[in-house]
Amino acid sequence: MSKDNKSVIEEFRQAVNMTPEELEAWLDTHESQSVGQKDGNDESIGHKSGRRIIELLEKKFV
């Protein structure tokens, strides 16, 4: 059985324990940029995921 969009969005927001601003500040640190698995370029996979999470947190869902 699949969940409705509202439930998925609520669970996502509960699981993410940082605001977009806090996450962006973390991603700008040397520590966050110096760790993680790279996939052929300079940015780690997790760092890309962090940027995507910021986009989702800032998105207005109706």
PDB file of N, CA and C in Angstrom:
ATOM      1  N   MET A   1       0.843  -1.166   0.000  1.00  0.00           N
ATOM      2  CA  MET A   1       0.000   0.000   0.000  1.00  0.00           C
ATOM      3  C   MET A   1       0.893   1.235   0.000  1.00  0.00           C
ATOM      4  N   SER A   2       0.592   2.183  -0.837  1.00  0.00           N
ATOM      5  CA  SER A   2       1.417   3.381  -0.914  1.00  0.00           C
ATOM      6  C   SER A   2       0.851   4.473  -0.004  1.00  0.00           C
ATOM      7  N   LYS A   3       1.737   5.326   0.441  1.00  0.00           N
ATOM      8  CA  LYS A   3       1.344   6.429   1.302  1.00  0.00           C
ATOM      9  C   LYS A   3       0.921   7.617   0.451  1.00  0.00           C
ATOM     10  N   ASP A   4       0.068   8.452   1.016  1.00  0.00           N
ATOM     11  CA  ASP A   4      -0.311   9.657   0.295  1.00  0.00           C
ATOM     12  C   ASP A   4       0.815  10.687   0.406  1.00  0.00           C
ATOM     13  N   ASN A   5       0.822  11.630  -0.488  1.00  0.00           N
ATOM     14  CA  ASN A   5       1.889  12.630  -0.551  1.00  0.00           C
ATOM     15  C   ASN A   5       2.051  13.389   0.756  1.00  0.00           C
ATOM     16  N   LYS A   6       0.943  13.741   1.396  1.00  0.00           N
ATOM     17  CA  LYS A   6       1.009  14.500   2.640  1.00  0.00           C
ATOM     18  C   LYS A   6       1.770  13.727   3.717  1.00  0.00           C
ATOM     19  N   SER A   7       1.538  12.429   3.815  1.00  0.00           N
ATOM     20  CA  SER A   7       2.232  11.598   4.804  1.00  0.00           C
ATOM     21  C   SER A   7       3.727  11.519   4.507  1.00  0.00           C
ATOM     22  N   VAL A   8       4.070  11.366   3.244  1.00  0.00           N
ATOM     23  CA  VAL A   8       5.479  11.275   2.852  1.00  0.00           C
ATOM     24  C   VAL A   8       6.196  12.588   3.170  1.00  0.00           C
ATOM     25  N   ILE A   9       5.581  13.706   2.851  1.00  0.00           N
ATOM     26  CA  ILE A   9       6.176  15.014   3.116  1.00  0.00           C
ATOM     27  C   ILE A   9       6.360  15.215   4.613  1.00  0.00           C
ATOM     28  N   GLU A  10       5.361  14.848   5.404  1.00  0.00           N
ATOM     29  CA  GLU A  10       5.448  14.990   6.860  1.00  0.00           C
ATOM     30  C   GLU A  10       6.579  14.134   7.436  1.00  0.00           C
ATOM     31  N   GLU A  11       6.687  12.897   6.972  1.00  0.00           N
ATOM     32  CA  GLU A  11       7.767  12.011   7.443  1.00  0.00           C
ATOM     33  C   GLU A  11       9.139  12.557   7.062  1.00  0.00           C
ATOM     34  N   PHE A  12       9.265  13.092   5.861  1.00  0.00           N
ATOM     35  CA  PHE A  12      10.525  13.673   5.406  1.00  0.00           C
ATOM     36  C   PHE A  12      10.925  14.837   6.310  1.00  0.00           C
ATOM     37  N   ARG A  13       9.995  15.726   6.574  1.00  0.00           N
ATOM     38  CA  ARG A  13      10.300  16.900   7.399  1.00  0.00           C
ATOM     39  C   ARG A  13      10.646  16.498   8.833  1.00  0.00           C
ATOM     40  N   GLN A  14      10.070  15.418   9.330  1.00  0.00           N
ATOM     41  CA  GLN A  14      10.404  14.933  10.672  1.00  0.00           C
ATOM     42  C   GLN A  14      11.785  14.279  10.690  1.00  0.00           C
ATOM     43  N   ALA A  15      12.158  13.636   9.601  1.00  0.00           N
ATOM     44  CA  ALA A  15      13.437  12.927   9.537  1.00  0.00           C
ATOM     45  C   ALA A  15      14.625  13.870   9.380  1.00  0.00           C
ATOM     46  N   VAL A  16      14.437  14.982   8.701  1.00  0.00           N
ATOM     47  CA  VAL A  16      15.519  15.941   8.478  1.00  0.00           C
ATOM     48  C   VAL A  16      15.610  16.837   9.709  1.00  0.00           C
ATOM     49  N   ASN A  17      16.742  16.798  10.396  1.00  0.00           N
ATOM     50  CA  ASN A  17      16.865  17.491  11.675  1.00  0.00           C
ATOM     51  C   ASN A  17      17.591  18.830  11.584  1.00  0.00           C
ATOM     52  N   MET A  18      17.657  19.405  10.381  1.00  0.00           N
ATOM     53  CA  MET A  18      18.294  20.711  10.197  1.00  0.00           C
ATOM     54  C   MET A  18      17.387  21.574   9.324  1.00  0.00           C
ATOM     55  N   THR A  19      17.466  22.869   9.534  1.00  0.00           N
ATOM     56  CA  THR A  19      16.767  23.799   8.656  1.00  0.00           C
ATOM     57  C   THR A  19      17.568  23.919   7.358  1.00  0.00           C
ATOM     58  N   PRO A  20      16.965  24.448   6.306  1.00  0.00           N
ATOM     59  CA  PRO A  20      17.738  24.659   5.077  1.00  0.00           C
ATOM     60  C   PRO A  20      18.974  25.518   5.310  1.00  0.00           C
ATOM     61  N   GLU A  21      18.849  26.535   6.160  1.00  0.00           N
ATOM     62  CA  GLU A  21      19.972  27.422   6.438  1.00  0.00           C
ATOM     63  C   GLU A  21      21.090  26.690   7.181  1.00  0.00           C
ATOM     64  N   GLU A  22      20.721  25.870   8.148  1.00  0.00           N
ATOM     65  CA  GLU A  22      21.720  25.105   8.893  1.00  0.00           C
ATOM     66  C   GLU A  22      22.435  24.105   7.989  1.00  0.00           C
ATOM     67  N   LEU A  23      21.669  23.438   7.142  1.00  0.00           N
ATOM     68  CA  LEU A  23      22.258  22.453   6.240  1.00  0.00           C
ATOM     69  C   LEU A  23      23.177  23.131   5.225  1.00  0.00           C
ATOM     70  N   GLU A  24      22.755  24.264   4.709  1.00  0.00           N
ATOM     71  CA  GLU A  24      23.599  24.995   3.752  1.00  0.00           C
ATOM     72  C   GLU A  24      24.905  25.447   4.414  1.00  0.00           C
ATOM     73  N   ALA A  25      24.817  25.917   5.651  1.00  0.00           N
ATOM     74  CA  ALA A  25      26.025  26.329   6.374  1.00  0.00           C
ATOM     75  C   ALA A  25      26.952  25.130   6.568  1.00  0.00           C
ATOM     76  N   TRP A  26      26.405  23.972   6.886  1.00  0.00           N
ATOM     77  CA  TRP A  26      27.220  22.767   7.059  1.00  0.00           C
ATOM     78  C   TRP A  26      27.891  22.378   5.747  1.00  0.00           C
ATOM     79  N   LEU A  27      27.135  22.430   4.653  1.00  0.00           N
ATOM     80  CA  LEU A  27      27.695  22.045   3.356  1.00  0.00           C
ATOM     81  C   LEU A  27      28.830  22.972   2.927  1.00  0.00           C
ATOM     82  N   ASP A  28      28.848  24.184   3.452  1.00  0.00           N
ATOM     83  CA  ASP A  28      29.914  25.137   3.124  1.00  0.00           C
ATOM     84  C   ASP A  28      31.182  24.922   3.938  1.00  0.00           C
ATOM     85  N   THR A  29      31.135  24.047   4.949  1.00  0.00           N
ATOM     86  CA  THR A  29      32.309  23.837   5.796  1.00  0.00           C
ATOM     87  C   THR A  29      33.336  22.942   5.114  1.00  0.00           C
ATOM     88  N   HIS A  30      34.585  23.110   5.521  1.00  0.00           N
ATOM     89  CA  HIS A  30      35.668  22.260   5.020  1.00  0.00           C
ATOM     90  C   HIS A  30      35.406  20.803   5.382  1.00  0.00           C
ATOM     91  N   GLU A  31      34.881  20.576   6.588  1.00  0.00           N
ATOM     92  CA  GLU A  31      34.615  19.205   7.040  1.00  0.00           C
ATOM     93  C   GLU A  31      33.657  18.476   6.098  1.00  0.00           C
ATOM     94  N   SER A  32      32.589  19.133   5.714  1.00  0.00           N
ATOM     95  CA  SER A  32      31.614  18.455   4.856  1.00  0.00           C
ATOM     96  C   SER A  32      32.168  18.232   3.452  1.00  0.00           C
ATOM     97  N   GLN A  33      33.037  19.108   3.004  1.00  0.00           N
ATOM     98  CA  GLN A  33      33.576  18.992   1.651  1.00  0.00           C
ATOM     99  C   GLN A  33      34.754  18.026   1.564  1.00  0.00           C
ATOM    100  N   SER A  34      35.277  17.633   2.720  1.00  0.00           N
ATOM    101  CA  SER A  34      36.468  16.773   2.704  1.00  0.00           C
ATOM    102  C   SER A  34      36.150  15.292   2.909  1.00  0.00           C
ATOM    103  N   VAL A  35      34.887  14.948   3.046  1.00  0.00           N
ATOM    104  CA  VAL A  35      34.523  13.548   3.284  1.00  0.00           C
ATOM    105  C   VAL A  35      33.518  13.077   2.236  1.00  0.00           C
ATOM    106  N   GLY A  36      33.336  11.785   2.178  1.00  0.00           N
ATOM    107  CA  GLY A  36      32.312  11.214   1.303  1.00  0.00           C
ATOM    108  C   GLY A  36      32.876  10.588   0.057  1.00  0.00           C
ATOM    109  N   GLN A  37      32.059   9.739  -0.525  1.00  0.00           N
ATOM    110  CA  GLN A  37      32.438   9.025  -1.741  1.00  0.00           C
ATOM    111  C   GLN A  37      32.239   9.925  -2.949  1.00  0.00           C
ATOM    112  N   LYS A  38      33.255  10.030  -3.756  1.00  0.00           N
ATOM    113  CA  LYS A  38      33.195  10.847  -4.977  1.00  0.00           C
ATOM    114  C   LYS A  38      32.781   9.949  -6.146  1.00  0.00           C
ATOM    115  N   ASP A  39      32.071  10.526  -7.094  1.00  0.00           N
ATOM    116  CA  ASP A  39      31.651   9.753  -8.268  1.00  0.00           C
ATOM    117  C   ASP A  39      32.286  10.278  -9.545  1.00  0.00           C
ATOM    118  N   GLY A  40      33.543  10.662  -9.451  1.00  0.00           N
ATOM    119  CA  GLY A  40      34.260  11.106 -10.639  1.00  0.00           C
ATOM    120  C   GLY A  40      34.446  12.604 -10.737  1.00  0.00           C
ATOM    121  N   ASN A  41      33.801  13.362  -9.879  1.00  0.00           N
ATOM    122  CA  ASN A  41      34.047  14.805  -9.896  1.00  0.00           C
ATOM    123  C   ASN A  41      34.423  15.262  -8.493  1.00  0.00           C
ATOM    124  N   ASP A  42      34.459  16.545  -8.264  1.00  0.00           N
ATOM    125  CA  ASP A  42      34.950  17.082  -6.994  1.00  0.00           C
ATOM    126  C   ASP A  42      33.944  17.003  -5.855  1.00  0.00           C
ATOM    127  N   GLU A  43      32.679  16.811  -6.147  1.00  0.00           N
ATOM    128  CA  GLU A  43      31.649  16.820  -5.115  1.00  0.00           C
ATOM    129  C   GLU A  43      31.243  15.396  -4.746  1.00  0.00           C
ATOM    130  N   SER A  44      31.121  15.143  -3.438  1.00  0.00           N
ATOM    131  CA  SER A  44      30.737  13.796  -2.999  1.00  0.00           C
ATOM    132  C   SER A  44      29.252  13.560  -3.261  1.00  0.00           C
ATOM    133  N   ILE A  45      28.896  12.305  -3.288  1.00  0.00           N
ATOM    134  CA  ILE A  45      27.510  11.915  -3.513  1.00  0.00           C
ATOM    135  C   ILE A  45      26.623  12.457  -2.391  1.00  0.00           C
ATOM    136  N   GLY A  46      27.091  12.347  -1.150  1.00  0.00           N
ATOM    137  CA  GLY A  46      26.323  12.847  -0.012  1.00  0.00           C
ATOM    138  C   GLY A  46      26.148  14.355  -0.037  1.00  0.00           C
ATOM    139  N   HIS A  47      27.160  15.056  -0.536  1.00  0.00           N
ATOM    140  CA  HIS A  47      27.090  16.516  -0.640  1.00  0.00           C
ATOM    141  C   HIS A  47      26.011  16.904  -1.638  1.00  0.00           C
ATOM    142  N   LYS A  48      25.941  16.189  -2.745  1.00  0.00           N
ATOM    143  CA  LYS A  48      24.879  16.426  -3.727  1.00  0.00           C
ATOM    144  C   LYS A  48      23.511  16.174  -3.105  1.00  0.00           C
ATOM    145  N   SER A  49      23.419  15.103  -2.321  1.00  0.00           N
ATOM    146  CA  SER A  49      22.157  14.781  -1.646  1.00  0.00           C
ATOM    147  C   SER A  49      21.759  15.900  -0.697  1.00  0.00           C
ATOM    148  N   GLY A  50      22.728  16.459   0.009  1.00  0.00           N
ATOM    149  CA  GLY A  50      22.451  17.568   0.918  1.00  0.00           C
ATOM    150  C   GLY A  50      21.875  18.769   0.190  1.00  0.00           C
ATOM    151  N   ARG A  51      22.427  19.071  -0.970  1.00  0.00           N
ATOM    152  CA  ARG A  51      21.897  20.197  -1.758  1.00  0.00           C
ATOM    153  C   ARG A  51      20.470  19.912  -2.220  1.00  0.00           C
ATOM    154  N   ARG A  52      20.204  18.655  -2.577  1.00  0.00           N
ATOM    155  CA  ARG A  52      18.848  18.280  -3.000  1.00  0.00           C
ATOM    156  C   ARG A  52      17.865  18.362  -1.825  1.00  0.00           C
ATOM    157  N   ILE A  53      18.311  17.985  -0.636  1.00  0.00           N
ATOM    158  CA  ILE A  53      17.462  18.079   0.548  1.00  0.00           C
ATOM    159  C   ILE A  53      17.098  19.538   0.818  1.00  0.00           C
ATOM    160  N   ILE A  54      18.053  20.444   0.639  1.00  0.00           N
ATOM    161  CA  ILE A  54      17.758  21.872   0.805  1.00  0.00           C
ATOM    162  C   ILE A  54      16.658  22.291  -0.163  1.00  0.00           C
ATOM    163  N   GLU A  55      16.767  21.866  -1.416  1.00  0.00           N
ATOM    164  CA  GLU A  55      15.731  22.197  -2.406  1.00  0.00           C
ATOM    165  C   GLU A  55      14.371  21.701  -1.960  1.00  0.00           C
ATOM    166  N   LEU A  56      14.318  20.479  -1.459  1.00  0.00           N
ATOM    167  CA  LEU A  56      13.041  19.904  -1.033  1.00  0.00           C
ATOM    168  C   LEU A  56      12.478  20.624   0.192  1.00  0.00           C
ATOM    169  N   LEU A  57      13.352  20.979   1.131  1.00  0.00           N
ATOM    170  CA  LEU A  57      12.889  21.684   2.327  1.00  0.00           C
ATOM    171  C   LEU A  57      12.333  23.065   1.983  1.00  0.00           C
ATOM    172  N   GLU A  58      12.891  23.690   0.972  1.00  0.00           N
ATOM    173  CA  GLU A  58      12.450  25.031   0.584  1.00  0.00           C
ATOM    174  C   GLU A  58      11.214  25.027  -0.323  1.00  0.00           C
ATOM    175  N   LYS A  59      10.882  23.859  -0.830  1.00  0.00           N
ATOM    176  CA  LYS A  59       9.756  23.742  -1.754  1.00  0.00           C
ATOM    177  C   LYS A  59       8.428  23.903  -1.021  1.00  0.00           C
ATOM    178  N   LYS A  60       7.526  24.619  -1.614  1.00  0.00           N
ATOM    179  CA  LYS A  60       6.188  24.804  -1.052  1.00  0.00           C
ATOM    180  C   LYS A  60       5.263  23.728  -1.636  1.00  0.00           C
ATOM    181  N   PHE A  61       4.793  22.853  -0.771  1.00  0.00           N
ATOM    182  CA  PHE A  61       3.884  21.809  -1.211  1.00  0.00           C
ATOM    183  C   PHE A  61       2.459  22.230  -0.908  1.00  0.00           C
ATOM    184  N   VAL A  62       1.587  22.029  -1.867  1.00  0.00           N
ATOM    185  CA  VAL A  62       0.181  22.413  -1.709  1.00  0.00           C
ATOM    186  C   VAL A  62      -0.650  21.199  -1.360  1.00  0.00           C
TER     187      VAL A  62
END
